[in-house]
Protein backbone atom coordinates (compact mmCIF):
# COMPACT_ATOMS: atom_id res chain seq x y z
CA MET A 1 9.60 6.51 -82.89
CA THR A 2 8.23 8.70 -80.09
CA ALA A 3 4.46 9.18 -80.06
CA LYS A 4 3.30 12.75 -80.53
CA VAL A 5 0.18 14.66 -79.62
CA THR A 6 -2.21 14.81 -82.55
CA ASN A 7 -5.24 16.49 -81.02
CA VAL A 8 -6.41 18.24 -77.86
CA GLU A 9 -10.10 18.43 -76.99
CA ARG A 10 -11.53 20.58 -74.18
CA PHE A 11 -15.09 20.58 -72.93
CA ILE A 12 -16.97 21.94 -69.94
CA LEU A 13 -18.85 19.86 -67.40
CA HIS A 14 -21.17 21.24 -64.76
CA VAL A 15 -21.15 18.95 -61.73
CA PRO A 16 -23.61 20.51 -59.27
CA PHE A 17 -23.27 20.19 -55.52
CA VAL A 18 -25.78 17.87 -53.89
CA ASP A 19 -28.86 19.56 -52.47
CA ARG A 20 -27.99 18.89 -48.84
CA VAL A 21 -24.94 21.24 -48.98
CA ARG A 22 -25.91 23.57 -51.83
CA ARG A 23 -26.94 26.42 -49.54
CA GLU A 24 -23.64 26.35 -47.63
CA MET A 25 -21.59 26.26 -50.82
CA GLU A 26 -23.49 29.16 -52.33
CA ARG A 27 -23.19 31.19 -49.14
CA ALA A 28 -19.43 30.61 -49.10
CA GLY A 29 -19.14 31.60 -52.76
CA VAL A 30 -17.64 28.28 -53.83
CA HIS A 31 -20.63 27.06 -55.84
CA SER A 32 -18.75 28.05 -59.02
CA TRP A 33 -16.29 25.23 -58.31
CA SER A 34 -18.83 22.91 -59.89
CA GLU A 35 -17.64 24.05 -63.34
CA LEU A 36 -14.96 21.67 -64.62
CA GLU A 37 -13.04 21.73 -67.87
CA ILE A 38 -12.03 18.26 -69.07
CA THR A 39 -8.97 18.00 -71.30
CA ARG A 40 -8.48 15.02 -73.63
CA VAL A 41 -5.09 14.56 -75.33
CA GLU A 42 -4.78 12.14 -78.24
CA THR A 43 -1.46 10.75 -79.52
CA ASP A 44 -0.50 8.96 -82.71
CA GLY A 45 0.51 6.02 -80.53
CA GLY A 46 -3.15 5.31 -79.79
CA ILE A 47 -2.86 6.54 -76.21
CA VAL A 48 -5.28 9.09 -74.73
CA GLY A 49 -4.49 11.24 -71.69
CA TRP A 50 -7.10 12.90 -69.48
CA GLY A 51 -7.00 15.91 -67.17
CA GLU A 52 -9.36 18.31 -65.45
CA THR A 53 -9.36 21.92 -64.31
CA ILE A 54 -11.68 23.33 -61.65
CA GLN A 55 -12.24 26.49 -63.65
CA ASN A 56 -12.86 28.86 -60.75
CA TYR A 57 -10.45 27.33 -58.24
CA THR A 58 -7.17 26.52 -59.95
CA TRP A 59 -3.58 27.65 -60.14
CA GLY A 60 -3.88 27.86 -63.92
CA ARG A 61 -6.55 27.60 -66.59
CA VAL A 62 -5.79 26.00 -69.95
CA ARG A 63 -5.53 28.71 -72.60
CA ASP A 64 -3.12 27.77 -75.40
CA HIS A 65 -3.36 24.04 -76.06
CA GLU A 66 -2.29 24.26 -79.70
CA ARG A 67 1.40 24.53 -78.80
CA VAL A 68 1.56 20.92 -77.56
CA VAL A 69 0.26 19.46 -80.83
CA GLY A 70 2.93 17.72 -82.89
CA LYS A 71 5.21 17.22 -79.88
CA PRO A 72 5.74 14.23 -77.58
CA PRO A 73 3.86 14.60 -74.28
CA ALA A 74 7.13 14.39 -72.33
CA GLU A 75 8.51 17.41 -74.20
CA THR A 76 5.91 19.86 -72.86
CA MET A 77 4.43 18.25 -69.75
CA TRP A 78 6.73 20.12 -67.34
CA ASP A 79 5.49 23.51 -68.56
CA ASP A 80 3.25 24.86 -65.80
CA SER A 81 2.02 27.67 -68.04
CA LEU A 82 -0.07 25.13 -69.97
CA GLY A 83 -2.60 25.05 -67.13
CA ALA A 84 -3.82 22.34 -64.79
CA GLY A 85 -5.96 20.12 -66.98
CA LEU A 86 -3.63 20.07 -69.98
CA GLN A 87 -0.55 19.39 -67.88
CA MET A 88 -2.39 16.60 -66.10
CA ALA A 89 -3.47 15.05 -69.39
CA LEU A 90 0.09 15.18 -70.78
CA PHE A 91 1.47 13.41 -67.71
CA ASP A 92 -1.32 10.84 -68.00
CA ALA A 93 -0.45 10.21 -71.65
CA ALA A 94 3.30 10.10 -70.99
CA GLY A 95 2.87 7.56 -68.19
CA LYS A 96 0.66 5.36 -70.35
CA LEU A 97 3.11 5.54 -73.25
CA ALA A 98 5.96 4.56 -70.94
CA GLY A 99 3.90 1.84 -69.25
CA VAL A 100 4.46 3.27 -65.78
CA PRO A 101 2.31 5.08 -63.19
CA VAL A 102 2.67 8.87 -63.14
CA TYR A 103 4.66 8.88 -59.90
CA ARG A 104 7.51 7.15 -61.73
CA LEU A 105 7.79 10.22 -63.94
CA LEU A 106 8.33 12.32 -60.81
CA GLY A 107 10.73 10.11 -58.85
CA THR A 108 10.62 7.26 -56.38
CA LYS A 109 7.48 6.23 -54.54
CA CYS A 110 7.23 7.71 -51.04
CA ARG A 111 4.24 5.76 -49.73
CA ASP A 112 1.80 3.08 -50.81
CA TRP A 113 -1.33 5.12 -50.08
CA CYS A 114 -2.56 8.36 -48.60
CA ALA A 115 -5.85 9.41 -47.08
CA ILE A 116 -8.31 11.49 -49.10
CA SER A 117 -10.48 13.76 -46.97
CA PHE A 118 -14.19 14.32 -47.35
CA TRP A 119 -14.70 18.08 -47.44
CA ASP A 120 -17.41 20.65 -46.79
CA HIS A 121 -17.44 24.38 -46.20
CA ASP A 122 -18.52 25.79 -42.85
CA MET A 123 -21.92 24.65 -41.64
CA SER A 124 -23.82 23.99 -38.43
CA PRO A 125 -22.82 21.19 -36.04
CA GLU A 126 -25.98 19.32 -36.95
CA LYS A 127 -25.19 19.42 -40.66
CA TYR A 128 -21.55 18.45 -40.12
CA GLU A 129 -22.75 15.37 -38.24
CA ILE A 130 -24.80 14.34 -41.29
CA GLU A 131 -21.82 14.98 -43.56
CA ALA A 132 -19.52 12.87 -41.38
CA ILE A 133 -21.98 9.97 -41.46
CA THR A 134 -22.19 10.34 -45.24
CA ALA A 135 -18.39 10.34 -45.48
CA VAL A 136 -18.18 7.05 -43.57
CA GLU A 137 -20.86 5.50 -45.77
CA LEU A 138 -18.84 6.48 -48.85
CA GLY A 139 -15.68 4.87 -47.45
CA TYR A 140 -13.79 7.97 -46.30
CA THR A 141 -11.61 7.74 -43.20
CA CYS A 142 -11.25 11.46 -42.52
CA ILE A 143 -13.06 14.76 -42.99
CA LYS A 144 -11.78 18.30 -43.38
CA ILE A 145 -14.01 20.86 -41.70
CA LYS A 146 -14.04 24.66 -41.86
CA THR A 147 -14.02 25.89 -38.27
CA ARG A 148 -15.62 29.32 -37.91
CA PRO A 149 -16.41 31.57 -34.91
CA TRP A 150 -20.10 31.77 -35.84
CA PHE A 151 -20.56 28.04 -35.20
CA ASP A 152 -19.79 26.11 -31.99
CA VAL A 153 -16.58 24.21 -32.81
CA ARG A 154 -16.81 22.07 -29.68
CA GLU A 155 -20.29 20.89 -30.57
CA THR A 156 -19.28 20.30 -34.18
CA ILE A 157 -16.32 18.09 -33.29
CA ARG A 158 -18.28 16.31 -30.56
CA ARG A 159 -21.02 15.38 -33.00
CA ILE A 160 -18.58 14.20 -35.66
CA SER A 161 -16.60 12.20 -33.12
CA GLU A 162 -19.65 10.43 -31.74
CA ALA A 163 -21.11 9.69 -35.16
CA THR A 164 -18.00 8.08 -36.68
CA PRO A 165 -15.95 4.92 -36.03
CA ASP A 166 -12.79 4.95 -33.93
CA HIS A 167 -10.43 5.05 -36.92
CA PHE A 168 -12.03 8.22 -38.33
CA ARG A 169 -9.95 11.42 -38.28
CA ILE A 170 -10.71 15.17 -38.36
CA ASP A 171 -8.73 17.99 -40.00
CA ALA A 172 -9.84 21.40 -38.70
CA ASP A 173 -9.10 24.26 -41.11
CA TRP A 174 -9.31 27.63 -39.36
CA ASN A 175 -8.25 29.90 -42.20
CA ALA A 176 -6.53 32.04 -39.53
CA PHE A 177 -9.78 32.86 -37.67
CA LEU A 178 -8.08 32.35 -34.29
CA ASN A 179 -6.03 35.48 -35.11
CA ASN A 180 -3.09 34.94 -32.76
CA ALA A 181 -1.33 32.38 -30.55
CA SER A 182 -2.90 33.76 -27.35
CA ASN A 183 -6.33 32.84 -28.65
CA ALA A 184 -5.24 29.62 -30.31
CA VAL A 185 -3.22 27.84 -27.63
CA PRO A 186 -5.92 27.30 -24.94
CA LEU A 187 -8.61 26.34 -27.45
CA LEU A 188 -6.47 23.94 -29.49
CA ARG A 189 -5.16 22.32 -26.32
CA GLU A 190 -8.72 21.80 -25.11
CA LEU A 191 -9.84 20.34 -28.44
CA GLU A 192 -6.95 17.92 -28.84
CA GLN A 193 -7.27 16.71 -25.26
CA THR A 194 -11.05 16.31 -25.45
CA PHE A 195 -11.36 14.91 -28.97
CA PRO A 196 -8.61 12.45 -29.94
CA LYS A 197 -9.93 12.19 -33.50
CA ILE A 198 -8.48 15.65 -34.19
CA LYS A 199 -5.23 15.02 -36.09
CA ILE A 200 -4.45 18.25 -37.95
CA PHE A 201 -5.01 21.95 -37.35
CA GLU A 202 -4.65 23.88 -40.59
CA ASP A 203 -3.78 27.61 -40.58
CA PRO A 204 -5.05 28.29 -37.04
CA ILE A 205 -3.49 31.80 -37.07
CA PRO A 206 -2.16 33.99 -39.89
CA ARG A 207 0.56 32.09 -41.69
CA ASN A 208 2.84 35.16 -41.90
CA ASP A 209 3.09 35.32 -38.08
CA ALA A 210 6.37 33.44 -37.82
CA SER A 211 7.00 33.96 -34.10
CA GLY A 212 3.36 33.25 -33.21
CA ASN A 213 3.36 30.02 -35.20
CA HIS A 214 6.68 28.94 -33.70
CA PHE A 215 5.29 29.46 -30.19
CA LEU A 216 2.01 27.72 -31.08
CA ARG A 217 3.92 24.73 -32.44
CA SER A 218 5.67 24.32 -29.10
CA GLN A 219 2.46 24.39 -27.08
CA ILE A 220 0.22 21.74 -28.64
CA GLN A 221 0.67 18.09 -29.59
CA SER A 222 -1.42 17.83 -32.76
CA ALA A 223 0.09 18.45 -36.17
CA ILE A 224 -0.15 21.95 -37.67
CA ALA A 225 -0.18 22.55 -41.41
CA HIS A 226 0.33 25.80 -43.31
CA HIS A 227 0.20 26.79 -46.95
CA TYR A 228 3.71 26.94 -48.32
CA GLY A 229 5.38 30.19 -49.28
CA THR A 230 4.42 32.85 -46.73
CA ILE A 231 7.09 31.91 -44.20
CA GLY A 232 10.24 30.85 -45.99
CA ALA A 233 11.41 27.29 -45.40
CA ARG A 234 14.84 28.49 -44.22
CA GLU A 235 13.30 31.03 -41.85
CA GLY A 236 10.99 28.38 -40.42
CA LEU A 237 13.84 25.91 -39.92
CA GLU A 238 16.12 28.51 -38.35
CA MET A 239 13.39 29.40 -35.88
CA GLY A 240 13.13 25.76 -34.88
CA GLY A 241 9.93 25.03 -36.77
CA VAL A 242 6.63 26.81 -37.39
CA CYS A 243 4.52 23.82 -38.46
CA ASP A 244 4.64 20.07 -39.08
CA GLY A 245 3.93 20.13 -42.78
CA TRP A 246 3.21 22.34 -45.76
CA ILE A 247 0.23 22.45 -48.11
CA LEU A 248 1.64 22.68 -51.61
CA GLY A 249 -0.07 24.01 -54.69
CA GLY A 250 0.60 24.86 -58.30
CA GLY A 251 1.88 23.16 -61.42
CA VAL A 252 4.12 20.10 -61.40
CA SER A 253 7.39 22.02 -61.77
CA GLN A 254 6.41 24.43 -59.03
CA ILE A 255 5.43 21.59 -56.71
CA MET A 256 8.76 19.85 -57.31
CA ARG A 257 10.64 23.06 -56.46
CA GLN A 258 8.58 23.53 -53.30
CA GLY A 259 9.23 19.94 -52.27
């Protein structure tokens, strides 16, 4: 007999940012990301599934959890409209019931591990140096930084590079602040040649600039990543490539379609 969901519990957690970065998070307007909704799914098979939703930074909040009650987790877990935390909890429960890790519910394993980046919003070079040291102490091997024109990017990356071990890597997220390929090419070339720890440039110029991104891709050696969906995959391929990888987002079904 297939186990069914008997109860769904949702509760809010406030996980505040640490004091050393609170000012930067509040200035950037992301301090509300500290509000998490935890979803707990119980089944009559004795298995409990857990999920979480970052309430103010998510592709979907949980709104109608009652419709999964009385059904097996596998029956509803592909429904993106359930919201992030509930869908996550259903996959967690389904994997536990089947005795397999969640990736087996999605397909074959692609890799044994992947890096998880330490992350901060834009801040001064001096503060980023402290954050990089903290990241290393916590066991991280890479950091994602927000590169902005009001801070010296060269000084920021120099400080991070000098403060971290050789294996440490940097992902520079520009959020399109370089505006166009003419601005981006000389600066990104300089950075990748001067600082070998730079491994990824994310959204250096607007992601809808297909020709600009194609040209940029041909001019630098480091990997470029863009958020999926603005430039169609077919258009990008027919142009000969606009980036080295896509940043995917959304529910499980949406992610599988994007992949």
